[in-house]
C-alpha atoms as a PDB file:
ATOM      1  CA  MET A   1     290.698 -90.389  14.660  1.00  0.00           C
ATOM      2  CA  ALA A   2     287.682 -91.041  16.860  1.00  0.00           C
ATOM      3  CA  ALA A   3     287.213 -88.878  19.897  1.00  0.00           C
ATOM      4  CA  ASN A   4     287.339 -90.558  23.289  1.00  0.00           C
ATOM      5  CA  PRO A   5     284.112 -90.177  25.237  1.00  0.00           C
ATOM      6  CA  PRO A   6     284.498 -88.157  28.450  1.00  0.00           C
ATOM      7  CA  THR A   7     284.861 -89.980  31.748  1.00  0.00           C
ATOM      8  CA  ASP A   8     282.414 -89.611  34.616  1.00  0.00           C
ATOM      9  CA  ALA A   9     284.889 -87.376  36.451  1.00  0.00           C
ATOM     10  CA  GLU A  10     285.270 -85.090  33.416  1.00  0.00           C
ATOM     11  CA  LEU A  11     281.507 -84.844  33.002  1.00  0.00           C
ATOM     12  CA  ASN A  12     281.118 -84.077  36.717  1.00  0.00           C
ATOM     13  CA  VAL A  13     283.513 -81.143  36.326  1.00  0.00           C
ATOM     14  CA  LEU A  14     281.585 -79.888  33.293  1.00  0.00           C
ATOM     15  CA  ILE A  15     278.213 -80.254  35.041  1.00  0.00           C
ATOM     16  CA  ARG A  16     279.368 -78.523  38.214  1.00  0.00           C
ATOM     17  CA  ALA A  17     280.944 -75.668  36.218  1.00  0.00           C
ATOM     18  CA  ARG A  18     277.814 -75.122  34.099  1.00  0.00           C
ATOM     19  CA  LEU A  19     275.565 -75.201  37.154  1.00  0.00           C
ATOM     20  CA  ALA A  20     277.901 -72.869  39.072  1.00  0.00           C
ATOM     21  CA  ALA A  21     277.711 -70.392  36.176  1.00  0.00           C
ATOM     22  CA  LEU A  22     273.933 -70.414  36.674  1.00  0.00           C
ATOM     23  CA  GLY A  23     274.295 -69.959  40.438  1.00  0.00           C
ATOM     24  CA  ILE A  24     273.406 -73.550  41.363  1.00  0.00           C
ATOM     25  CA  ASP A  25     275.562 -75.238  43.996  1.00  0.00           C
ATOM     26  CA  LEU A  26     275.201 -79.026  44.128  1.00  0.00           C
ATOM     27  CA  ASP A  27     276.928 -79.036  47.517  1.00  0.00           C
ATOM     28  CA  GLN A  28     273.641 -77.781  48.978  1.00  0.00           C
ATOM     29  CA  LEU A  29     272.137 -81.211  48.260  1.00  0.00           C
ATOM     30  CA  PRO A  30     272.664 -84.140  50.606  1.00  0.00           C
ATOM     31  CA  PRO A  31     275.718 -86.279  49.780  1.00  0.00           C
ATOM     32  CA  GLY A  32     275.345 -89.707  48.211  1.00  0.00           C
ATOM     33  CA  ASN A  33     272.418 -91.274  46.402  1.00  0.00           C
ATOM     34  CA  THR A  34     269.756 -91.171  49.081  1.00  0.00           C
ATOM     35  CA  PRO A  35     267.273 -88.294  49.100  1.00  0.00           C
ATOM     36  CA  ASP A  36     266.943 -86.080  52.138  1.00  0.00           C
ATOM     37  CA  PRO A  37     264.157 -87.564  54.301  1.00  0.00           C
ATOM     38  CA  GLU A  38     262.993 -84.144  55.460  1.00  0.00           C
ATOM     39  CA  THR A  39     262.939 -82.174  52.196  1.00  0.00           C
ATOM     40  CA  GLY A  40     262.901 -84.975  49.611  1.00  0.00           C
ATOM     41  CA  SER A  41     265.701 -83.332  47.619  1.00  0.00           C
ATOM     42  CA  PRO A  42     267.827 -85.868  45.727  1.00  0.00           C
ATOM     43  CA  GLY A  43     271.382 -86.742  46.660  1.00  0.00           C
ATOM     44  CA  GLN A  44     274.348 -85.209  44.838  1.00  0.00           C
ATOM     45  CA  GLU A  45     275.408 -88.492  43.230  1.00  0.00           C
ATOM     46  CA  SER A  46     271.950 -89.240  41.839  1.00  0.00           C
ATOM     47  CA  VAL A  47     271.716 -85.738  40.339  1.00  0.00           C
ATOM     48  CA  LEU A  48     275.150 -86.058  38.745  1.00  0.00           C
ATOM     49  CA  ALA A  49     274.312 -89.534  37.396  1.00  0.00           C
ATOM     50  CA  SER A  50     271.094 -88.232  35.857  1.00  0.00           C
ATOM     51  CA  LEU A  51     272.828 -85.245  34.250  1.00  0.00           C
ATOM     52  CA  ARG A  52     275.675 -87.443  32.933  1.00  0.00           C
ATOM     53  CA  SER A  53     273.102 -89.723  31.329  1.00  0.00           C
ATOM     54  CA  PHE A  54     271.394 -86.697  29.759  1.00  0.00           C
ATOM     55  CA  LEU A  55     274.667 -85.366  28.363  1.00  0.00           C
ATOM     56  CA  ARG A  56     275.714 -88.729  26.941  1.00  0.00           C
ATOM     57  CA  GLY A  57     272.399 -89.403  25.242  1.00  0.00           C
ATOM     58  CA  THR A  58     270.382 -86.324  24.409  1.00  0.00           C
ATOM     59  CA  VAL A  59     273.092 -83.775  23.656  1.00  0.00           C
ATOM     60  CA  THR A  60     274.779 -86.021  21.096  1.00  0.00           C
ATOM     61  CA  ALA A  61     271.493 -86.575  19.262  1.00  0.00           C
ATOM     62  CA  LEU A  62     270.667 -82.864  19.302  1.00  0.00           C
ATOM     63  CA  ALA A  63     274.131 -81.914  18.028  1.00  0.00           C
ATOM     64  CA  ALA A  64     273.793 -84.297  15.082  1.00  0.00           C
ATOM     65  CA  TYR A  65     270.383 -82.967  14.020  1.00  0.00           C
ATOM     66  CA  GLN A  66     270.181 -81.133  10.702  1.00  0.00           C
ATOM     67  CA  MET A  67     267.205 -79.225   9.413  1.00  0.00           C
ATOM     68  CA  PRO A  68     265.597 -80.970   6.448  1.00  0.00           C
ATOM     69  CA  ALA A  69     266.576 -79.534   3.073  1.00  0.00           C
ATOM     70  CA  PRO A  70     265.252 -80.213  -0.439  1.00  0.00           C
ATOM     71  CA  GLY A  71     266.509 -83.486  -1.934  1.00  0.00           C
ATOM     72  CA  ALA A  72     268.934 -81.972  -4.466  1.00  0.00           C
ATOM     73  CA  THR A  73     270.635 -79.704  -1.902  1.00  0.00           C
ATOM     74  CA  ASP A  74     274.405 -80.007  -1.563  1.00  0.00           C
ATOM     75  CA  PRO A  75     275.243 -81.469   1.915  1.00  0.00           C
ATOM     76  CA  ALA A  76     277.506 -78.493   2.706  1.00  0.00           C
ATOM     77  CA  VAL A  77     274.650 -76.116   1.958  1.00  0.00           C
ATOM     78  CA  GLY A  78     272.327 -78.271   4.072  1.00  0.00           C
ATOM     79  CA  ARG A  79     274.668 -77.932   7.064  1.00  0.00           C
ATOM     80  CA  ALA A  80     274.763 -74.162   6.598  1.00  0.00           C
ATOM     81  CA  LEU A  81     270.975 -74.023   6.363  1.00  0.00           C
ATOM     82  CA  SER A  82     270.673 -75.911   9.648  1.00  0.00           C
ATOM     83  CA  GLN A  83     272.513 -73.064  11.415  1.00  0.00           C
ATOM     84  CA  GLN A  84     269.915 -70.418  10.535  1.00  0.00           C
ATOM     85  CA  HIS A  85     267.546 -69.010  13.127  1.00  0.00           C
ATOM     86  CA  VAL A  86     264.206 -70.752  13.310  1.00  0.00           C
ATOM     87  CA  PRO A  87     261.121 -68.698  12.451  1.00  0.00           C
ATOM     88  CA  VAL A  88     259.328 -67.308  15.487  1.00  0.00           C
ATOM     89  CA  LEU A  89     255.689 -66.391  15.910  1.00  0.00           C
ATOM     90  CA  TYR A  90     256.345 -62.870  17.195  1.00  0.00           C
ATOM     91  CA  PRO A  91     259.733 -61.711  15.806  1.00  0.00           C
ATOM     92  CA  SER A  92     259.595 -58.256  17.389  1.00  0.00           C
ATOM     93  CA  ASN A  93     259.348 -59.733  20.888  1.00  0.00           C
ATOM     94  CA  SER A  94     262.198 -62.119  20.167  1.00  0.00           C
ATOM     95  CA  ALA A  95     264.381 -59.301  18.815  1.00  0.00           C
ATOM     96  CA  GLU A  96     263.791 -57.190  21.930  1.00  0.00           C
ATOM     97  CA  TRP A  97     264.512 -60.130  24.203  1.00  0.00           C
ATOM     98  CA  ARG A  98     267.879 -60.781  22.527  1.00  0.00           C
ATOM     99  CA  LYS A  99     268.967 -57.136  23.042  1.00  0.00           C
ATOM    100  CA  ALA A 100     268.925 -57.544  26.830  1.00  0.00           C
END
């Protein structure tokens, strides 16, 4: 059964919740689509439209990406390999950063 794509209202709730978790309040922006003439900050609706477009396009493509595996690799093993951590240039710094 194919999943139904989320509606604009559902995506707005998701976007506002994720931004609120980061301490960003979209209600501080001017309402509507027009930018604030004094500060130049975009309107709430234009920000939400841009983020909805990002979620519908980019996130789906990123979620479907799998790391390349040798040609004879079993597809199940290939999916597991794509979940491994990527190599980093300075592993000790990365390890310390993740402890925080």
